[in-house]
Amino acid sequence: MIHVVGIGLDGAAGLAPGVLMVVENAVLLVGSDRHLSYFPHHPGERLVLGDLKLGLQKLRRRLEAAPEEESIVVLTSGDPLFFGLGRLLVAQLPPETLIFHPHIS
């Protein structure tokens, strides 16, 4: 599963406890350098989204190879479905693999 987590300027401190647990349990964190910097001690693998096309290809391959219980988290700003990365993810990845956790925009 891919959890798409909206995050605010307050970083990890602004996340609800359940959402923070989702992030902490992820085996792969995906996001910009800024978003990833909110979790400097996260033990999982990291994927910096610079080139979106290349990043989505890597994410798709990882999703295909991942066991069902493995959790991937994509960090975005605010509400990912409100003019955000969420729409692109829905168009490029199987929608049934996506779970959205929006933050205030």
PDB file of N, CA and C in Angstrom:
ATOM      1  N   MET A   1       0.830  -1.183   0.000  1.00  0.00           N
ATOM      2  CA  MET A   1       0.000   0.000   0.000  1.00  0.00           C
ATOM      3  C   MET A   1       0.873   1.245   0.000  1.00  0.00           C
ATOM      4  N   ILE A   2       0.339   2.279  -0.623  1.00  0.00           N
ATOM      5  CA  ILE A   2       1.003   3.578  -0.614  1.00  0.00           C
ATOM      6  C   ILE A   2       0.117   4.541   0.159  1.00  0.00           C
ATOM      7  N   HIS A   3       0.659   5.067   1.231  1.00  0.00           N
ATOM      8  CA  HIS A   3      -0.032   6.079   2.024  1.00  0.00           C
ATOM      9  C   HIS A   3       0.495   7.428   1.570  1.00  0.00           C
ATOM     10  N   VAL A   4      -0.402   8.289   1.115  1.00  0.00           N
ATOM     11  CA  VAL A   4      -0.030   9.627   0.676  1.00  0.00           C
ATOM     12  C   VAL A   4      -0.368  10.565   1.825  1.00  0.00           C
ATOM     13  N   VAL A   5       0.657  11.096   2.463  1.00  0.00           N
ATOM     14  CA  VAL A   5       0.500  11.866   3.690  1.00  0.00           C
ATOM     15  C   VAL A   5       0.752  13.339   3.412  1.00  0.00           C
ATOM     16  N   GLY A   6      -0.287  14.148   3.625  1.00  0.00           N
ATOM     17  CA  GLY A   6      -0.130  15.589   3.538  1.00  0.00           C
ATOM     18  C   GLY A   6       0.526  16.096   4.811  1.00  0.00           C
ATOM     19  N   ILE A   7       1.433  17.020   4.644  1.00  0.00           N
ATOM     20  CA  ILE A   7       2.189  17.523   5.789  1.00  0.00           C
ATOM     21  C   ILE A   7       2.238  19.041   5.712  1.00  0.00           C
ATOM     22  N   GLY A   8       2.197  19.693   6.860  1.00  0.00           N
ATOM     23  CA  GLY A   8       2.238  21.151   6.919  1.00  0.00           C
ATOM     24  C   GLY A   8       3.632  21.668   7.216  1.00  0.00           C
ATOM     25  N   LEU A   9       3.728  22.981   7.369  1.00  0.00           N
ATOM     26  CA  LEU A   9       5.025  23.604   7.647  1.00  0.00           C
ATOM     27  C   LEU A   9       5.586  23.212   9.006  1.00  0.00           C
ATOM     28  N   ASP A  10       4.716  22.699   9.889  1.00  0.00           N
ATOM     29  CA  ASP A  10       5.186  22.263  11.206  1.00  0.00           C
ATOM     30  C   ASP A  10       5.736  20.839  11.172  1.00  0.00           C
ATOM     31  N   GLY A  11       5.761  20.226  10.006  1.00  0.00           N
ATOM     32  CA  GLY A  11       6.378  18.914   9.832  1.00  0.00           C
ATOM     33  C   GLY A  11       5.702  17.813  10.613  1.00  0.00           C
ATOM     34  N   ALA A  12       6.493  16.934  11.166  1.00  0.00           N
ATOM     35  CA  ALA A  12       5.979  15.763  11.887  1.00  0.00           C
ATOM     36  C   ALA A  12       5.131  16.163  13.086  1.00  0.00           C
ATOM     37  N   ALA A  13       5.420  17.297  13.694  1.00  0.00           N
ATOM     38  CA  ALA A  13       4.675  17.738  14.878  1.00  0.00           C
ATOM     39  C   ALA A  13       3.199  18.001  14.568  1.00  0.00           C
ATOM     40  N   GLY A  14       2.875  18.295  13.323  1.00  0.00           N
ATOM     41  CA  GLY A  14       1.497  18.593  12.943  1.00  0.00           C
ATOM     42  C   GLY A  14       0.677  17.390  12.528  1.00  0.00           C
ATOM     43  N   LEU A  15       1.274  16.216  12.543  1.00  0.00           N
ATOM     44  CA  LEU A  15       0.555  15.013  12.123  1.00  0.00           C
ATOM     45  C   LEU A  15      -0.205  14.397  13.291  1.00  0.00           C
ATOM     46  N   ALA A  16      -1.372  13.858  12.997  1.00  0.00           N
ATOM     47  CA  ALA A  16      -2.136  13.120  14.004  1.00  0.00           C
ATOM     48  C   ALA A  16      -1.339  11.877  14.402  1.00  0.00           C
ATOM     49  N   PRO A  17      -1.507  11.406  15.639  1.00  0.00           N
ATOM     50  CA  PRO A  17      -0.730  10.245  16.095  1.00  0.00           C
ATOM     51  C   PRO A  17      -0.842   9.023  15.174  1.00  0.00           C
ATOM     52  N   GLY A  18      -2.029   8.737  14.661  1.00  0.00           N
ATOM     53  CA  GLY A  18      -2.191   7.585  13.777  1.00  0.00           C
ATOM     54  C   GLY A  18      -1.442   7.744  12.467  1.00  0.00           C
ATOM     55  N   VAL A  19      -1.452   8.937  11.929  1.00  0.00           N
ATOM     56  CA  VAL A  19      -0.737   9.208  10.675  1.00  0.00           C
ATOM     57  C   VAL A  19       0.765   9.164  10.921  1.00  0.00           C
ATOM     58  N   LEU A  20       1.193   9.702  12.042  1.00  0.00           N
ATOM     59  CA  LEU A  20       2.617   9.649  12.386  1.00  0.00           C
ATOM     60  C   LEU A  20       3.084   8.200  12.503  1.00  0.00           C
ATOM     61  N   MET A  21       2.246   7.332  13.039  1.00  0.00           N
ATOM     62  CA  MET A  21       2.593   5.922  13.146  1.00  0.00           C
ATOM     63  C   MET A  21       2.721   5.292  11.757  1.00  0.00           C
ATOM     64  N   VAL A  22       1.847   5.679  10.832  1.00  0.00           N
ATOM     65  CA  VAL A  22       1.940   5.178   9.457  1.00  0.00           C
ATOM     66  C   VAL A  22       3.295   5.556   8.867  1.00  0.00           C
ATOM     67  N   VAL A  23       3.707   6.795   9.067  1.00  0.00           N
ATOM     68  CA  VAL A  23       4.999   7.248   8.551  1.00  0.00           C
ATOM     69  C   VAL A  23       6.137   6.478   9.211  1.00  0.00           C
ATOM     70  N   GLU A  24       6.083   6.335  10.508  1.00  0.00           N
ATOM     71  CA  GLU A  24       7.154   5.649  11.239  1.00  0.00           C
ATOM     72  C   GLU A  24       7.296   4.192  10.837  1.00  0.00           C
ATOM     73  N   ASN A  25       6.205   3.549  10.414  1.00  0.00           N
ATOM     74  CA  ASN A  25       6.241   2.133  10.044  1.00  0.00           C
ATOM     75  C   ASN A  25       6.544   1.890   8.568  1.00  0.00           C
ATOM     76  N   ALA A  26       6.713   2.942   7.798  1.00  0.00           N
ATOM     77  CA  ALA A  26       6.974   2.794   6.368  1.00  0.00           C
ATOM     78  C   ALA A  26       8.359   2.216   6.119  1.00  0.00           C
ATOM     79  N   VAL A  27       8.455   1.365   5.121  1.00  0.00           N
ATOM     80  CA  VAL A  27       9.763   0.845   4.723  1.00  0.00           C
ATOM     81  C   VAL A  27      10.417   1.754   3.687  1.00  0.00           C
ATOM     82  N   LEU A  28       9.597   2.617   3.062  1.00  0.00           N
ATOM     83  CA  LEU A  28      10.095   3.559   2.060  1.00  0.00           C
ATOM     84  C   LEU A  28       9.379   4.885   2.243  1.00  0.00           C
ATOM     85  N   LEU A  29      10.170   5.969   2.385  1.00  0.00           N
ATOM     86  CA  LEU A  29       9.632   7.325   2.427  1.00  0.00           C
ATOM     87  C   LEU A  29       9.968   7.997   1.105  1.00  0.00           C
ATOM     88  N   VAL A  30       8.966   8.609   0.498  1.00  0.00           N
ATOM     89  CA  VAL A  30       9.123   9.276  -0.788  1.00  0.00           C
ATOM     90  C   VAL A  30       8.710  10.726  -0.598  1.00  0.00           C
ATOM     91  N   GLY A  31       9.481  11.648  -1.135  1.00  0.00           N
ATOM     92  CA  GLY A  31       9.105  13.050  -1.041  1.00  0.00           C
ATOM     93  C   GLY A  31      10.234  13.963  -1.458  1.00  0.00           C
ATOM     94  N   SER A  32       9.977  15.257  -1.314  1.00  0.00           N
ATOM     95  CA  SER A  32      11.012  16.240  -1.611  1.00  0.00           C
ATOM     96  C   SER A  32      12.054  16.225  -0.492  1.00  0.00           C
ATOM     97  N   ASP A  33      13.167  16.869  -0.746  1.00  0.00           N
ATOM     98  CA  ASP A  33      14.193  16.977   0.303  1.00  0.00           C
ATOM     99  C   ASP A  33      13.609  17.611   1.561  1.00  0.00           C
ATOM    100  N   ARG A  34      12.785  18.646   1.383  1.00  0.00           N
ATOM    101  CA  ARG A  34      12.195  19.339   2.530  1.00  0.00           C
ATOM    102  C   ARG A  34      11.310  18.407   3.335  1.00  0.00           C
ATOM    103  N   HIS A  35      10.435  17.665   2.657  1.00  0.00           N
ATOM    104  CA  HIS A  35       9.530  16.762   3.368  1.00  0.00           C
ATOM    105  C   HIS A  35      10.299  15.641   4.066  1.00  0.00           C
ATOM    106  N   LEU A  36      11.281  15.095   3.409  1.00  0.00           N
ATOM    107  CA  LEU A  36      12.073  14.023   4.017  1.00  0.00           C
ATOM    108  C   LEU A  36      12.877  14.532   5.210  1.00  0.00           C
ATOM    109  N   SER A  37      13.243  15.812   5.187  1.00  0.00           N
ATOM    110  CA  SER A  37      14.033  16.370   6.292  1.00  0.00           C
ATOM    111  C   SER A  37      13.237  16.420   7.597  1.00  0.00           C
ATOM    112  N   TYR A  38      11.915  16.334   7.529  1.00  0.00           N
ATOM    113  CA  TYR A  38      11.098  16.312   8.740  1.00  0.00           C
ATOM    114  C   TYR A  38      11.254  14.998   9.507  1.00  0.00           C
ATOM    115  N   PHE A  39      11.851  13.996   8.872  1.00  0.00           N
ATOM    116  CA  PHE A  39      12.021  12.671   9.492  1.00  0.00           C
ATOM    117  C   PHE A  39      13.485  12.235   9.365  1.00  0.00           C
ATOM    118  N   PRO A  40      14.397  12.977  10.000  1.00  0.00           N
ATOM    119  CA  PRO A  40      15.833  12.702   9.811  1.00  0.00           C
ATOM    120  C   PRO A  40      16.293  11.357  10.358  1.00  0.00           C
ATOM    121  N   HIS A  41      15.569  10.789  11.302  1.00  0.00           N
ATOM    122  CA  HIS A  41      16.002   9.531  11.917  1.00  0.00           C
ATOM    123  C   HIS A  41      15.169   8.338  11.471  1.00  0.00           C
ATOM    124  N   HIS A  42      14.382   8.520  10.440  1.00  0.00           N
ATOM    125  CA  HIS A  42      13.555   7.408   9.949  1.00  0.00           C
ATOM    126  C   HIS A  42      14.477   6.318   9.410  1.00  0.00           C
ATOM    127  N   PRO A  43      14.269   5.080   9.848  1.00  0.00           N
ATOM    128  CA  PRO A  43      15.186   4.003   9.461  1.00  0.00           C
ATOM    129  C   PRO A  43      14.958   3.448   8.058  1.00  0.00           C
ATOM    130  N   GLY A  44      13.845   3.796   7.429  1.00  0.00           N
ATOM    131  CA  GLY A  44      13.514   3.221   6.126  1.00  0.00           C
ATOM    132  C   GLY A  44      14.325   3.821   4.990  1.00  0.00           C
ATOM    133  N   GLU A  45      14.141   3.223   3.858  1.00  0.00           N
ATOM    134  CA  GLU A  45      14.754   3.700   2.627  1.00  0.00           C
ATOM    135  C   GLU A  45      14.095   5.022   2.229  1.00  0.00           C
ATOM    136  N   ARG A  46      14.809   5.854   1.487  1.00  0.00           N
ATOM    137  CA  ARG A  46      14.283   7.150   1.043  1.00  0.00           C
ATOM    138  C   ARG A  46      14.378   7.273  -0.469  1.00  0.00           C
ATOM    139  N   LEU A  47      13.384   7.928  -1.039  1.00  0.00           N
ATOM    140  CA  LEU A  47      13.388   8.225  -2.466  1.00  0.00           C
ATOM    141  C   LEU A  47      13.027   9.695  -2.612  1.00  0.00           C
ATOM    142  N   VAL A  48      13.997  10.492  -3.083  1.00  0.00           N
ATOM    143  CA  VAL A  48      13.766  11.918  -3.288  1.00  0.00           C
ATOM    144  C   VAL A  48      13.080  12.099  -4.628  1.00  0.00           C
ATOM    145  N   LEU A  49      11.937  12.796  -4.596  1.00  0.00           N
ATOM    146  CA  LEU A  49      11.204  13.073  -5.829  1.00  0.00           C
ATOM    147  C   LEU A  49      11.756  14.354  -6.443  1.00  0.00           C
ATOM    148  N   GLY A  50      12.639  14.200  -7.383  1.00  0.00           N
ATOM    149  CA  GLY A  50      13.153  15.341  -8.135  1.00  0.00           C
ATOM    150  C   GLY A  50      12.496  15.305  -9.497  1.00  0.00           C
ATOM    151  N   ASP A  51      12.924  14.380 -10.305  1.00  0.00           N
ATOM    152  CA  ASP A  51      12.329  14.129 -11.612  1.00  0.00           C
ATOM    153  C   ASP A  51      11.090  13.265 -11.377  1.00  0.00           C
ATOM    154  N   LEU A  52       9.896  13.850 -11.530  1.00  0.00           N
ATOM    155  CA  LEU A  52       8.664  13.119 -11.214  1.00  0.00           C
ATOM    156  C   LEU A  52       8.482  11.872 -12.062  1.00  0.00           C
ATOM    157  N   LYS A  53       8.808  11.949 -13.347  1.00  0.00           N
ATOM    158  CA  LYS A  53       8.630  10.784 -14.217  1.00  0.00           C
ATOM    159  C   LYS A  53       9.497   9.618 -13.741  1.00  0.00           C
ATOM    160  N   LEU A  54      10.741   9.902 -13.462  1.00  0.00           N
ATOM    161  CA  LEU A  54      11.661   8.864 -12.981  1.00  0.00           C
ATOM    162  C   LEU A  54      11.236   8.375 -11.600  1.00  0.00           C
ATOM    163  N   GLY A  55      10.847   9.295 -10.734  1.00  0.00           N
ATOM    164  CA  GLY A  55      10.407   8.926  -9.400  1.00  0.00           C
ATOM    165  C   GLY A  55       9.186   8.029  -9.412  1.00  0.00           C
ATOM    166  N   LEU A  56       8.223   8.327 -10.283  1.00  0.00           N
ATOM    167  CA  LEU A  56       7.019   7.496 -10.389  1.00  0.00           C
ATOM    168  C   LEU A  56       7.346   6.116 -10.946  1.00  0.00           C
ATOM    169  N   GLN A  57       8.288   6.039 -11.869  1.00  0.00           N
ATOM    170  CA  GLN A  57       8.711   4.737 -12.393  1.00  0.00           C
ATOM    171  C   GLN A  57       9.318   3.893 -11.274  1.00  0.00           C
ATOM    172  N   LYS A  58      10.174   4.497 -10.468  1.00  0.00           N
ATOM    173  CA  LYS A  58      10.794   3.774  -9.348  1.00  0.00           C
ATOM    174  C   LYS A  58       9.742   3.353  -8.331  1.00  0.00           C
ATOM    175  N   LEU A  59       8.800   4.238  -8.064  1.00  0.00           N
ATOM    176  CA  LEU A  59       7.731   3.934  -7.110  1.00  0.00           C
ATOM    177  C   LEU A  59       6.861   2.792  -7.621  1.00  0.00           C
ATOM    178  N   ARG A  60       6.531   2.796  -8.905  1.00  0.00           N
ATOM    179  CA  ARG A  60       5.715   1.728  -9.499  1.00  0.00           C
ATOM    180  C   ARG A  60       6.433   0.382  -9.408  1.00  0.00           C
ATOM    181  N   ARG A  61       7.726   0.369  -9.726  1.00  0.00           N
ATOM    182  CA  ARG A  61       8.500  -0.884  -9.645  1.00  0.00           C
ATOM    183  C   ARG A  61       8.564  -1.382  -8.210  1.00  0.00           C
ATOM    184  N   ARG A  62       8.756  -0.474  -7.275  1.00  0.00           N
ATOM    185  CA  ARG A  62       8.828  -0.856  -5.865  1.00  0.00           C
ATOM    186  C   ARG A  62       7.501  -1.417  -5.384  1.00  0.00           C
ATOM    187  N   LEU A  63       6.402  -0.798  -5.817  1.00  0.00           N
ATOM    188  CA  LEU A  63       5.069  -1.259  -5.441  1.00  0.00           C
ATOM    189  C   LEU A  63       4.809  -2.669  -5.978  1.00  0.00           C
ATOM    190  N   GLU A  64       5.215  -2.925  -7.203  1.00  0.00           N
ATOM    191  CA  GLU A  64       5.007  -4.236  -7.819  1.00  0.00           C
ATOM    192  C   GLU A  64       5.801  -5.329  -7.098  1.00  0.00           C
ATOM    193  N   ALA A  65       6.966  -4.981  -6.583  1.00  0.00           N
ATOM    194  CA  ALA A  65       7.832  -5.966  -5.926  1.00  0.00           C
ATOM    195  C   ALA A  65       7.558  -6.107  -4.435  1.00  0.00           C
ATOM    196  N   ALA A  66       6.798  -5.183  -3.873  1.00  0.00           N
ATOM    197  CA  ALA A  66       6.610  -5.147  -2.419  1.00  0.00           C
ATOM    198  C   ALA A  66       5.569  -6.159  -1.958  1.00  0.00           C
ATOM    199  N   PRO A  67       5.821  -6.796  -0.824  1.00  0.00           N
ATOM    200  CA  PRO A  67       4.782  -7.633  -0.220  1.00  0.00           C
ATOM    201  C   PRO A  67       3.599  -6.754   0.189  1.00  0.00           C
ATOM    202  N   GLU A  68       2.410  -7.346   0.248  1.00  0.00           N
ATOM    203  CA  GLU A  68       1.200  -6.576   0.568  1.00  0.00           C
ATOM    204  C   GLU A  68       1.282  -5.851   1.894  1.00  0.00           C
ATOM    205  N   GLU A  69       1.943  -6.426   2.870  1.00  0.00           N
ATOM    206  CA  GLU A  69       1.993  -5.809   4.199  1.00  0.00           C
ATOM    207  C   GLU A  69       3.014  -4.674   4.280  1.00  0.00           C
ATOM    208  N   GLU A  70       3.839  -4.520   3.250  1.00  0.00           N
ATOM    209  CA  GLU A  70       4.845  -3.466   3.245  1.00  0.00           C
ATOM    210  C   GLU A  70       4.184  -2.119   2.975  1.00  0.00           C
ATOM    211  N   SER A  71       4.566  -1.128   3.729  1.00  0.00           N
ATOM    212  CA  SER A  71       3.962   0.192   3.637  1.00  0.00           C
ATOM    213  C   SER A  71       4.950   1.198   3.050  1.00  0.00           C
ATOM    214  N   ILE A  72       4.481   1.919   2.046  1.00  0.00           N
ATOM    215  CA  ILE A  72       5.245   2.987   1.417  1.00  0.00           C
ATOM    216  C   ILE A  72       4.512   4.286   1.731  1.00  0.00           C
ATOM    217  N   VAL A  73       5.253   5.337   2.063  1.00  0.00           N
ATOM    218  CA  VAL A  73       4.639   6.629   2.347  1.00  0.00           C
ATOM    219  C   VAL A  73       5.200   7.670   1.380  1.00  0.00           C
ATOM    220  N   VAL A  74       4.283   8.398   0.739  1.00  0.00           N
ATOM    221  CA  VAL A  74       4.642   9.543  -0.092  1.00  0.00           C
ATOM    222  C   VAL A  74       4.236  10.783   0.687  1.00  0.00           C
ATOM    223  N   LEU A  75       5.205  11.645   0.969  1.00  0.00           N
ATOM    224  CA  LEU A  75       4.955  12.873   1.710  1.00  0.00           C
ATOM    225  C   LEU A  75       4.694  14.014   0.736  1.00  0.00           C
ATOM    226  N   THR A  76       3.606  14.756   0.966  1.00  0.00           N
ATOM    227  CA  THR A  76       3.251  15.889   0.112  1.00  0.00           C
ATOM    228  C   THR A  76       2.874  17.072   0.996  1.00  0.00           C
ATOM    229  N   SER A  77       2.672  18.204   0.380  1.00  0.00           N
ATOM    230  CA  SER A  77       2.240  19.388   1.124  1.00  0.00           C
ATOM    231  C   SER A  77       0.723  19.449   1.190  1.00  0.00           C
ATOM    232  N   GLY A  78       0.203  19.758   2.369  1.00  0.00           N
ATOM    233  CA  GLY A  78      -1.233  19.998   2.528  1.00  0.00           C
ATOM    234  C   GLY A  78      -2.106  18.834   2.125  1.00  0.00           C
ATOM    235  N   ASP A  79      -3.144  19.142   1.368  1.00  0.00           N
ATOM    236  CA  ASP A  79      -4.082  18.131   0.884  1.00  0.00           C
ATOM    237  C   ASP A  79      -3.626  17.661  -0.493  1.00  0.00           C
ATOM    238  N   PRO A  80      -3.132  16.430  -0.606  1.00  0.00           N
ATOM    239  CA  PRO A  80      -2.563  15.963  -1.869  1.00  0.00           C
ATOM    240  C   PRO A  80      -3.563  15.892  -3.024  1.00  0.00           C
ATOM    241  N   LEU A  81      -4.853  15.899  -2.728  1.00  0.00           N
ATOM    242  CA  LEU A  81      -5.847  15.836  -3.806  1.00  0.00           C
ATOM    243  C   LEU A  81      -6.383  17.215  -4.187  1.00  0.00           C
ATOM    244  N   PHE A  82      -5.887  18.269  -3.547  1.00  0.00           N
ATOM    245  CA  PHE A  82      -6.305  19.628  -3.861  1.00  0.00           C
ATOM    246  C   PHE A  82      -5.160  20.295  -4.612  1.00  0.00           C
ATOM    247  N   PHE A  83      -5.140  20.138  -5.927  1.00  0.00           N
ATOM    248  CA  PHE A  83      -4.078  20.657  -6.784  1.00  0.00           C
ATOM    249  C   PHE A  83      -2.711  20.157  -6.346  1.00  0.00           C
ATOM    250  N   GLY A  84      -2.643  18.912  -5.959  1.00  0.00           N
ATOM    251  CA  GLY A  84      -1.381  18.379  -5.470  1.00  0.00           C
ATOM    252  C   GLY A  84      -0.945  17.127  -6.208  1.00  0.00           C
ATOM    253  N   LEU A  85       0.024  16.475  -5.633  1.00  0.00           N
ATOM    254  CA  LEU A  85       0.613  15.267  -6.214  1.00  0.00           C
ATOM    255  C   LEU A  85      -0.380  14.110  -6.261  1.00  0.00           C
ATOM    256  N   GLY A  86      -1.397  14.152  -5.422  1.00  0.00           N
ATOM    257  CA  GLY A  86      -2.371  13.062  -5.363  1.00  0.00           C
ATOM    258  C   GLY A  86      -3.037  12.757  -6.683  1.00  0.00           C
ATOM    259  N   ARG A  87      -3.401  13.770  -7.419  1.00  0.00           N
ATOM    260  CA  ARG A  87      -4.063  13.555  -8.722  1.00  0.00           C
ATOM    261  C   ARG A  87      -3.148  12.827  -9.692  1.00  0.00           C
ATOM    262  N   LEU A  88      -1.877  13.184  -9.685  1.00  0.00           N
ATOM    263  CA  LEU A  88      -0.911  12.511 -10.548  1.00  0.00           C
ATOM    264  C   LEU A  88      -0.741  11.054 -10.125  1.00  0.00           C
ATOM    265  N   LEU A  89      -0.681  10.809  -8.828  1.00  0.00           N
ATOM    266  CA  LEU A  89      -0.545   9.436  -8.349  1.00  0.00           C
ATOM    267  C   LEU A  89      -1.747   8.585  -8.725  1.00  0.00           C
ATOM    268  N   VAL A  90      -2.947   9.150  -8.620  1.00  0.00           N
ATOM    269  CA  VAL A  90      -4.167   8.411  -8.995  1.00  0.00           C
ATOM    270  C   VAL A  90      -4.144   8.079 -10.479  1.00  0.00           C
ATOM    271  N   ALA A  91      -3.611   8.977 -11.296  1.00  0.00           N
ATOM    272  CA  ALA A  91      -3.557   8.749 -12.740  1.00  0.00           C
ATOM    273  C   ALA A  91      -2.469   7.751 -13.128  1.00  0.00           C
ATOM    274  N   GLN A  92      -1.389   7.668 -12.336  1.00  0.00           N
ATOM    275  CA  GLN A  92      -0.242   6.855 -12.718  1.00  0.00           C
ATOM    276  C   GLN A  92      -0.114   5.518 -12.003  1.00  0.00           C
ATOM    277  N   LEU A  93      -0.796   5.366 -10.878  1.00  0.00           N
ATOM    278  CA  LEU A  93      -0.682   4.143 -10.080  1.00  0.00           C
ATOM    279  C   LEU A  93      -2.062   3.532  -9.883  1.00  0.00           C
ATOM    280  N   PRO A  94      -2.122   2.245  -9.556  1.00  0.00           N
ATOM    281  CA  PRO A  94      -3.436   1.630  -9.307  1.00  0.00           C
ATOM    282  C   PRO A  94      -4.123   2.322  -8.121  1.00  0.00           C
ATOM    283  N   PRO A  95      -5.290   2.927  -8.350  1.00  0.00           N
ATOM    284  CA  PRO A  95      -5.967   3.669  -7.281  1.00  0.00           C
ATOM    285  C   PRO A  95      -6.250   2.840  -6.035  1.00  0.00           C
ATOM    286  N   GLU A  96      -6.444   1.546  -6.201  1.00  0.00           N
ATOM    287  CA  GLU A  96      -6.744   0.700  -5.041  1.00  0.00           C
ATOM    288  C   GLU A  96      -5.542   0.524  -4.118  1.00  0.00           C
ATOM    289  N   THR A  97      -4.360   0.962  -4.551  1.00  0.00           N
ATOM    290  CA  THR A  97      -3.170   0.859  -3.711  1.00  0.00           C
ATOM    291  C   THR A  97      -2.900   2.143  -2.930  1.00  0.00           C
ATOM    292  N   LEU A  98      -3.735   3.169  -3.128  1.00  0.00           N
ATOM    293  CA  LEU A  98      -3.494   4.478  -2.529  1.00  0.00           C
ATOM    294  C   LEU A  98      -4.446   4.768  -1.380  1.00  0.00           C
ATOM    295  N   ILE A  99      -3.887   5.247  -0.299  1.00  0.00           N
ATOM    296  CA  ILE A  99      -4.672   5.714   0.862  1.00  0.00           C
ATOM    297  C   ILE A  99      -4.205   7.133   1.145  1.00  0.00           C
ATOM    298  N   PHE A 100      -5.138   8.075   1.221  1.00  0.00           N
ATOM    299  CA  PHE A 100      -4.793   9.486   1.407  1.00  0.00           C
ATOM    300  C   PHE A 100      -5.051   9.937   2.843  1.00  0.00           C
ATOM    301  N   HIS A 101      -4.093  10.696   3.359  1.00  0.00           N
ATOM    302  CA  HIS A 101      -4.166  11.300   4.689  1.00  0.00           C
ATOM    303  C   HIS A 101      -3.916  12.805   4.498  1.00  0.00           C
ATOM    304  N   PRO A 102      -4.951  13.583   4.190  1.00  0.00           N
ATOM    305  CA  PRO A 102      -4.739  15.002   3.901  1.00  0.00           C
ATOM    306  C   PRO A 102      -4.435  15.809   5.156  1.00  0.00           C
ATOM    307  N   HIS A 103      -3.748  16.909   4.926  1.00  0.00           N
ATOM    308  CA  HIS A 103      -3.449  17.903   5.951  1.00  0.00           C
ATOM    309  C   HIS A 103      -4.131  19.186   5.506  1.00  0.00           C
ATOM    310  N   ILE A 104      -4.266  20.124   6.374  1.00  0.00           N
ATOM    311  CA  ILE A 104      -4.894  21.397   6.030  1.00  0.00           C
ATOM    312  C   ILE A 104      -4.060  22.094   4.967  1.00  0.00           C
ATOM    313  N   SER A 105      -4.724  22.584   3.934  1.00  0.00           N
ATOM    314  CA  SER A 105      -4.027  23.315   2.856  1.00  0.00           C
ATOM    315  C   SER A 105      -3.978  24.790   3.173  1.00  0.00           C
TER     316      SER A 105
END
